[in-house]
Amino acid sequence: MEISSSQSVHKFKSERLDRSPKVLLWVSMVSMSMLFAGLTSAYVVRQAEGNWDAFNIPMAFLISTIIIVASSGTLHWALKAIRKDDLKTTKTFLIITLGLGFAFVFSQFLGWSELVENGVYFVNKKTPSGSFFYVLTGLHLAHIVGGLLYLMIISAKSILNKYNSSNYLGIQLCSIYWHFLDVLWLYLYAFLWFIR
């Protein structure tokens, strides 16, 4: 009876420890959502004032969209695999996700370079449309870079067999954050595509 009681206490403490980082992550994601909601609202207000030049969004940003959706899928499979103690599959999908994350960053830079070639600059005295585009996509990319750093950490830990079916909080937190960035990008891409 004593053993089961101490196990219950340990499980309760473990659940509380797991809950704290999740709550902090959700709070920070709500803050990020508010930031981007504010920026997209400012975009709409400024566009309505006139002096706004529309421009075509380069194909590289569509490729970015496909890449980030795919990376969400691979990270989800990594999470499913660790819950089954399938370490080999977990490692494989974490590394694939990492590769896709870097591909997303690369495609964003390709998109920006194409915009510059087409005369859409970050600073343009004639129109602020390019500035808003660079700020929105650049801020999202900054959050992606943060996610990539965390992905590198959990990938390294996975290679060192630090995770199993009863200890995978790091992968779970990274998965929640990455899916959030995926949804955020889909919102931004749709917003920038339709509200030009």
C-alpha atoms as a PDB file:
ATOM      1  CA  MET A   1       0.000   0.000   0.000  1.00  0.00           C
ATOM      2  CA  GLU A   2       2.875   2.357   0.845  1.00  0.00           C
ATOM      3  CA  ILE A   3       4.541   1.702  -2.517  1.00  0.00           C
ATOM      4  CA  SER A   4       1.402   2.492  -4.520  1.00  0.00           C
ATOM      5  CA  SER A   5       0.884   5.637  -2.426  1.00  0.00           C
ATOM      6  CA  SER A   6       4.433   6.891  -3.122  1.00  0.00           C
ATOM      7  CA  GLN A   7       3.997   6.030  -6.803  1.00  0.00           C
ATOM      8  CA  SER A   8       0.824   8.120  -6.884  1.00  0.00           C
ATOM      9  CA  VAL A   9       2.645  11.069  -5.294  1.00  0.00           C
ATOM     10  CA  HIS A  10       5.512  10.695  -7.799  1.00  0.00           C
ATOM     11  CA  LYS A  11       3.054  10.550 -10.718  1.00  0.00           C
ATOM     12  CA  PHE A  12       1.224  13.644  -9.413  1.00  0.00           C
ATOM     13  CA  LYS A  13       4.507  15.591  -9.092  1.00  0.00           C
ATOM     14  CA  SER A  14       5.588  14.439 -12.550  1.00  0.00           C
ATOM     15  CA  GLU A  15       2.295  15.594 -14.094  1.00  0.00           C
ATOM     16  CA  ARG A  16       2.627  18.988 -12.379  1.00  0.00           C
ATOM     17  CA  LEU A  17       6.190  19.370 -13.680  1.00  0.00           C
ATOM     18  CA  ASP A  18       4.998  18.492 -17.197  1.00  0.00           C
ATOM     19  CA  ARG A  19       2.118  20.985 -16.974  1.00  0.00           C
ATOM     20  CA  SER A  20       4.232  24.045 -16.067  1.00  0.00           C
ATOM     21  CA  PRO A  21       6.278  24.239 -19.314  1.00  0.00           C
ATOM     22  CA  LYS A  22       3.116  23.588 -21.346  1.00  0.00           C
ATOM     23  CA  VAL A  23       1.304  26.473 -19.661  1.00  0.00           C
ATOM     24  CA  LEU A  24       4.285  28.784 -20.288  1.00  0.00           C
ATOM     25  CA  LEU A  25       4.404  27.687 -23.922  1.00  0.00           C
ATOM     26  CA  TRP A  26       0.677  28.338 -24.407  1.00  0.00           C
ATOM     27  CA  VAL A  27       0.979  31.775 -22.797  1.00  0.00           C
ATOM     28  CA  SER A  28       3.861  32.688 -25.116  1.00  0.00           C
ATOM     29  CA  MET A  29       1.940  31.399 -28.162  1.00  0.00           C
ATOM     30  CA  VAL A  30      -1.067  33.546 -27.203  1.00  0.00           C
ATOM     31  CA  SER A  31       1.308  36.534 -26.928  1.00  0.00           C
ATOM     32  CA  MET A  32       2.749  35.774 -30.362  1.00  0.00           C
ATOM     33  CA  SER A  33      -0.762  35.457 -31.811  1.00  0.00           C
ATOM     34  CA  MET A  34      -1.640  38.878 -30.416  1.00  0.00           C
ATOM     35  CA  LEU A  35       1.545  40.350 -31.907  1.00  0.00           C
ATOM     36  CA  PHE A  36       0.755  39.031 -35.383  1.00  0.00           C
ATOM     37  CA  ALA A  37      -2.931  39.979 -35.072  1.00  0.00           C
ATOM     38  CA  GLY A  38      -1.818  43.529 -34.259  1.00  0.00           C
ATOM     39  CA  LEU A  39       0.599  43.636 -37.198  1.00  0.00           C
ATOM     40  CA  THR A  40      -1.919  42.290 -39.704  1.00  0.00           C
ATOM     41  CA  SER A  41      -4.500  44.782 -38.407  1.00  0.00           C
ATOM     42  CA  ALA A  42      -1.966  47.597 -38.903  1.00  0.00           C
ATOM     43  CA  TYR A  43      -1.372  46.252 -42.426  1.00  0.00           C
ATOM     44  CA  VAL A  44      -5.103  46.524 -43.265  1.00  0.00           C
ATOM     45  CA  VAL A  45      -5.420  50.010 -41.742  1.00  0.00           C
ATOM     46  CA  ARG A  46      -2.322  51.318 -43.549  1.00  0.00           C
ATOM     47  CA  GLN A  47      -3.404  49.765 -46.852  1.00  0.00           C
ATOM     48  CA  ALA A  48      -6.787  51.536 -46.604  1.00  0.00           C
ATOM     49  CA  GLU A  49      -5.013  54.896 -46.318  1.00  0.00           C
ATOM     50  CA  GLY A  50      -3.769  54.559 -49.912  1.00  0.00           C
ATOM     51  CA  ASN A  51      -0.262  54.963 -51.347  1.00  0.00           C
ATOM     52  CA  TRP A  52      -0.017  51.166 -51.431  1.00  0.00           C
ATOM     53  CA  ASP A  53       1.553  49.191 -54.285  1.00  0.00           C
ATOM     54  CA  ALA A  54       0.436  45.585 -54.690  1.00  0.00           C
ATOM     55  CA  PHE A  55       3.047  43.066 -55.860  1.00  0.00           C
ATOM     56  CA  ASN A  56       3.157  39.402 -56.776  1.00  0.00           C
ATOM     57  CA  ILE A  57       4.252  36.998 -54.061  1.00  0.00           C
ATOM     58  CA  PRO A  58       7.149  34.849 -55.347  1.00  0.00           C
ATOM     59  CA  MET A  59       6.633  31.105 -55.855  1.00  0.00           C
ATOM     60  CA  ALA A  60       9.298  30.451 -53.183  1.00  0.00           C
ATOM     61  CA  PHE A  61       6.752  31.391 -50.505  1.00  0.00           C
ATOM     62  CA  LEU A  62       4.311  28.759 -51.799  1.00  0.00           C
ATOM     63  CA  ILE A  63       7.160  26.235 -51.652  1.00  0.00           C
ATOM     64  CA  SER A  64       7.821  27.408 -48.068  1.00  0.00           C
ATOM     65  CA  THR A  65       4.183  26.670 -47.269  1.00  0.00           C
ATOM     66  CA  ILE A  66       4.401  23.116 -48.616  1.00  0.00           C
ATOM     67  CA  ILE A  67       7.659  22.557 -46.710  1.00  0.00           C
ATOM     68  CA  ILE A  68       6.337  23.742 -43.340  1.00  0.00           C
ATOM     69  CA  VAL A  69       3.151  21.656 -43.661  1.00  0.00           C
ATOM     70  CA  ALA A  70       5.290  18.601 -44.469  1.00  0.00           C
ATOM     71  CA  SER A  71       7.567  19.330 -41.487  1.00  0.00           C
ATOM     72  CA  SER A  72       4.541  19.445 -39.184  1.00  0.00           C
ATOM     73  CA  GLY A  73       3.623  15.975 -40.420  1.00  0.00           C
ATOM     74  CA  THR A  74       7.099  14.534 -39.846  1.00  0.00           C
ATOM     75  CA  LEU A  75       7.283  15.999 -36.332  1.00  0.00           C
ATOM     76  CA  HIS A  76       3.852  14.546 -35.549  1.00  0.00           C
ATOM     77  CA  TRP A  77       5.105  11.113 -36.684  1.00  0.00           C
ATOM     78  CA  ALA A  78       8.191  11.508 -34.474  1.00  0.00           C
ATOM     79  CA  LEU A  79       5.915  12.208 -31.495  1.00  0.00           C
ATOM     80  CA  LYS A  80       3.735   9.184 -32.300  1.00  0.00           C
ATOM     81  CA  ALA A  81       6.845   7.006 -32.609  1.00  0.00           C
ATOM     82  CA  ILE A  82       8.327   8.009 -29.223  1.00  0.00           C
ATOM     83  CA  ARG A  83       5.000   7.249 -27.533  1.00  0.00           C
ATOM     84  CA  LYS A  84       5.467   3.677 -28.829  1.00  0.00           C
ATOM     85  CA  ASP A  85       9.155   3.574 -27.782  1.00  0.00           C
ATOM     86  CA  ASP A  86      10.149   3.384 -31.459  1.00  0.00           C
ATOM     87  CA  LEU A  87      13.431   5.264 -31.047  1.00  0.00           C
ATOM     88  CA  LYS A  88      14.742   4.628 -34.562  1.00  0.00           C
ATOM     89  CA  THR A  89      11.639   6.129 -36.210  1.00  0.00           C
ATOM     90  CA  THR A  90      11.663   9.020 -33.730  1.00  0.00           C
ATOM     91  CA  LYS A  91      15.265   9.915 -34.606  1.00  0.00           C
ATOM     92  CA  THR A  92      14.602   9.598 -38.335  1.00  0.00           C
ATOM     93  CA  PHE A  93      11.569  11.877 -38.329  1.00  0.00           C
ATOM     94  CA  LEU A  94      13.197  14.447 -36.036  1.00  0.00           C
ATOM     95  CA  ILE A  95      16.158  14.726 -38.405  1.00  0.00           C
ATOM     96  CA  ILE A  96      13.828  14.958 -41.432  1.00  0.00           C
ATOM     97  CA  THR A  97      11.884  17.716 -39.642  1.00  0.00           C
ATOM     98  CA  LEU A  98      15.134  19.554 -38.956  1.00  0.00           C
ATOM     99  CA  GLY A  99      16.102  19.312 -42.626  1.00  0.00           C
ATOM    100  CA  LEU A 100      12.690  20.600 -43.698  1.00  0.00           C
ATOM    101  CA  GLY A 101      13.021  23.469 -41.224  1.00  0.00           C
ATOM    102  CA  PHE A 102      16.295  24.561 -42.821  1.00  0.00           C
ATOM    103  CA  ALA A 103      14.706  24.168 -46.266  1.00  0.00           C
ATOM    104  CA  PHE A 104      11.921  26.525 -45.126  1.00  0.00           C
ATOM    105  CA  VAL A 105      14.503  29.139 -44.071  1.00  0.00           C
ATOM    106  CA  PHE A 106      16.323  28.780 -47.399  1.00  0.00           C
ATOM    107  CA  SER A 107      13.102  29.163 -49.419  1.00  0.00           C
ATOM    108  CA  GLN A 108      12.200  32.304 -47.447  1.00  0.00           C
ATOM    109  CA  PHE A 109      15.538  33.883 -48.385  1.00  0.00           C
ATOM    110  CA  LEU A 110      14.964  32.868 -52.012  1.00  0.00           C
ATOM    111  CA  GLY A 111      11.573  34.593 -51.888  1.00  0.00           C
ATOM    112  CA  TRP A 112      13.052  37.758 -50.398  1.00  0.00           C
ATOM    113  CA  SER A 113      15.846  37.868 -52.987  1.00  0.00           C
ATOM    114  CA  GLU A 114      13.248  37.564 -55.771  1.00  0.00           C
ATOM    115  CA  LEU A 115      11.284  40.439 -54.235  1.00  0.00           C
ATOM    116  CA  VAL A 116      14.435  42.590 -54.237  1.00  0.00           C
ATOM    117  CA  GLU A 117      15.056  41.678 -57.902  1.00  0.00           C
ATOM    118  CA  ASN A 118      11.489  42.831 -58.642  1.00  0.00           C
ATOM    119  CA  GLY A 119      12.075  46.168 -56.900  1.00  0.00           C
ATOM    120  CA  VAL A 120      10.210  45.384 -53.664  1.00  0.00           C
ATOM    121  CA  TYR A 121      12.463  46.689 -50.897  1.00  0.00           C
ATOM    122  CA  PHE A 122      12.268  46.739 -47.114  1.00  0.00           C
ATOM    123  CA  VAL A 123      12.539  50.542 -47.154  1.00  0.00           C
ATOM    124  CA  ASN A 124      10.669  52.357 -49.905  1.00  0.00           C
ATOM    125  CA  LYS A 125       9.626  55.985 -49.520  1.00  0.00           C
ATOM    126  CA  LYS A 126       6.901  55.620 -52.158  1.00  0.00           C
ATOM    127  CA  THR A 127       4.988  52.724 -50.572  1.00  0.00           C
ATOM    128  CA  PRO A 128       5.126  50.781 -47.271  1.00  0.00           C
ATOM    129  CA  SER A 129       3.676  47.558 -48.731  1.00  0.00           C
ATOM    130  CA  GLY A 130       7.079  45.864 -49.021  1.00  0.00           C
ATOM    131  CA  SER A 131       8.043  46.892 -45.486  1.00  0.00           C
ATOM    132  CA  PHE A 132       4.956  45.211 -44.035  1.00  0.00           C
ATOM    133  CA  PHE A 133       5.628  42.043 -46.038  1.00  0.00           C
ATOM    134  CA  TYR A 134       9.240  41.819 -44.848  1.00  0.00           C
ATOM    135  CA  VAL A 135       8.301  42.534 -41.218  1.00  0.00           C
ATOM    136  CA  LEU A 136       5.538  39.899 -41.106  1.00  0.00           C
ATOM    137  CA  THR A 137       7.530  37.169 -42.843  1.00  0.00           C
ATOM    138  CA  GLY A 138      10.772  38.139 -41.064  1.00  0.00           C
ATOM    139  CA  LEU A 139       9.217  37.976 -37.598  1.00  0.00           C
ATOM    140  CA  HIS A 140       7.755  34.578 -38.398  1.00  0.00           C
ATOM    141  CA  LEU A 141      11.153  33.415 -39.627  1.00  0.00           C
ATOM    142  CA  ALA A 142      12.759  34.602 -36.374  1.00  0.00           C
ATOM    143  CA  HIS A 143      10.353  32.338 -34.466  1.00  0.00           C
ATOM    144  CA  ILE A 144      11.166  29.489 -36.871  1.00  0.00           C
ATOM    145  CA  VAL A 145      14.881  29.920 -36.107  1.00  0.00           C
ATOM    146  CA  GLY A 146      14.052  29.618 -32.387  1.00  0.00           C
ATOM    147  CA  GLY A 147      12.121  26.438 -33.154  1.00  0.00           C
ATOM    148  CA  LEU A 148      15.047  25.078 -35.181  1.00  0.00           C
ATOM    149  CA  LEU A 149      17.429  25.606 -32.263  1.00  0.00           C
ATOM    150  CA  TYR A 150      15.074  23.631 -30.033  1.00  0.00           C
ATOM    151  CA  LEU A 151      14.693  20.964 -32.741  1.00  0.00           C
ATOM    152  CA  MET A 152      18.484  20.599 -32.837  1.00  0.00           C
ATOM    153  CA  ILE A 153      18.549  20.081 -29.065  1.00  0.00           C
ATOM    154  CA  ILE A 154      15.807  17.441 -29.033  1.00  0.00           C
ATOM    155  CA  SER A 155      17.301  15.710 -32.096  1.00  0.00           C
ATOM    156  CA  ALA A 156      20.667  15.472 -30.308  1.00  0.00           C
ATOM    157  CA  LYS A 157      18.969  14.161 -27.155  1.00  0.00           C
ATOM    158  CA  SER A 158      17.068  11.642 -29.253  1.00  0.00           C
ATOM    159  CA  ILE A 159      20.294  10.396 -30.865  1.00  0.00           C
ATOM    160  CA  LEU A 160      21.719   9.998 -27.338  1.00  0.00           C
ATOM    161  CA  ASN A 161      18.603   7.957 -26.376  1.00  0.00           C
ATOM    162  CA  LYS A 162      17.438  10.488 -23.775  1.00  0.00           C
ATOM    163  CA  TYR A 163      13.750  10.002 -24.652  1.00  0.00           C
ATOM    164  CA  ASN A 164      11.334   7.110 -24.212  1.00  0.00           C
ATOM    165  CA  SER A 165       7.575   6.527 -23.968  1.00  0.00           C
ATOM    166  CA  SER A 166       7.455   7.834 -20.394  1.00  0.00           C
ATOM    167  CA  ASN A 167       9.855  10.763 -20.936  1.00  0.00           C
ATOM    168  CA  TYR A 168       9.257  12.781 -24.096  1.00  0.00           C
ATOM    169  CA  LEU A 169       8.143  16.208 -22.855  1.00  0.00           C
ATOM    170  CA  GLY A 170      10.802  17.991 -24.933  1.00  0.00           C
ATOM    171  CA  ILE A 171       9.504  16.449 -28.161  1.00  0.00           C
ATOM    172  CA  GLN A 172       5.915  17.185 -27.155  1.00  0.00           C
ATOM    173  CA  LEU A 173       6.635  20.866 -26.428  1.00  0.00           C
ATOM    174  CA  CYS A 174       8.568  21.265 -29.671  1.00  0.00           C
ATOM    175  CA  SER A 175       5.714  19.627 -31.572  1.00  0.00           C
ATOM    176  CA  ILE A 176       3.114  21.995 -30.081  1.00  0.00           C
ATOM    177  CA  TYR A 177       5.273  25.037 -30.901  1.00  0.00           C
ATOM    178  CA  TRP A 178       6.089  23.853 -34.420  1.00  0.00           C
ATOM    179  CA  HIS A 179       2.422  23.150 -35.242  1.00  0.00           C
ATOM    180  CA  PHE A 180       1.624  26.644 -33.973  1.00  0.00           C
ATOM    181  CA  LEU A 181       4.234  28.131 -36.336  1.00  0.00           C
ATOM    182  CA  ASP A 182       2.769  26.050 -39.161  1.00  0.00           C
ATOM    183  CA  VAL A 183      -0.760  27.382 -38.550  1.00  0.00           C
ATOM    184  CA  LEU A 184       0.614  30.907 -38.130  1.00  0.00           C
ATOM    185  CA  TRP A 185       2.419  30.695 -41.469  1.00  0.00           C
ATOM    186  CA  LEU A 186      -0.720  29.392 -43.221  1.00  0.00           C
ATOM    187  CA  TYR A 187      -2.609  32.375 -41.801  1.00  0.00           C
ATOM    188  CA  LEU A 188       0.104  34.840 -42.878  1.00  0.00           C
ATOM    189  CA  TYR A 189       0.451  33.355 -46.354  1.00  0.00           C
ATOM    190  CA  ALA A 190      -3.330  33.424 -46.940  1.00  0.00           C
ATOM    191  CA  PHE A 191      -3.541  36.944 -45.501  1.00  0.00           C
ATOM    192  CA  LEU A 192      -0.701  38.287 -47.663  1.00  0.00           C
ATOM    193  CA  TRP A 193      -2.039  36.521 -50.743  1.00  0.00           C
ATOM    194  CA  PHE A 194      -5.627  37.756 -50.506  1.00  0.00           C
ATOM    195  CA  ILE A 195      -5.077  41.188 -48.961  1.00  0.00           C
ATOM    196  CA  ARG A 196      -2.659  42.818 -51.386  1.00  0.00           C
END
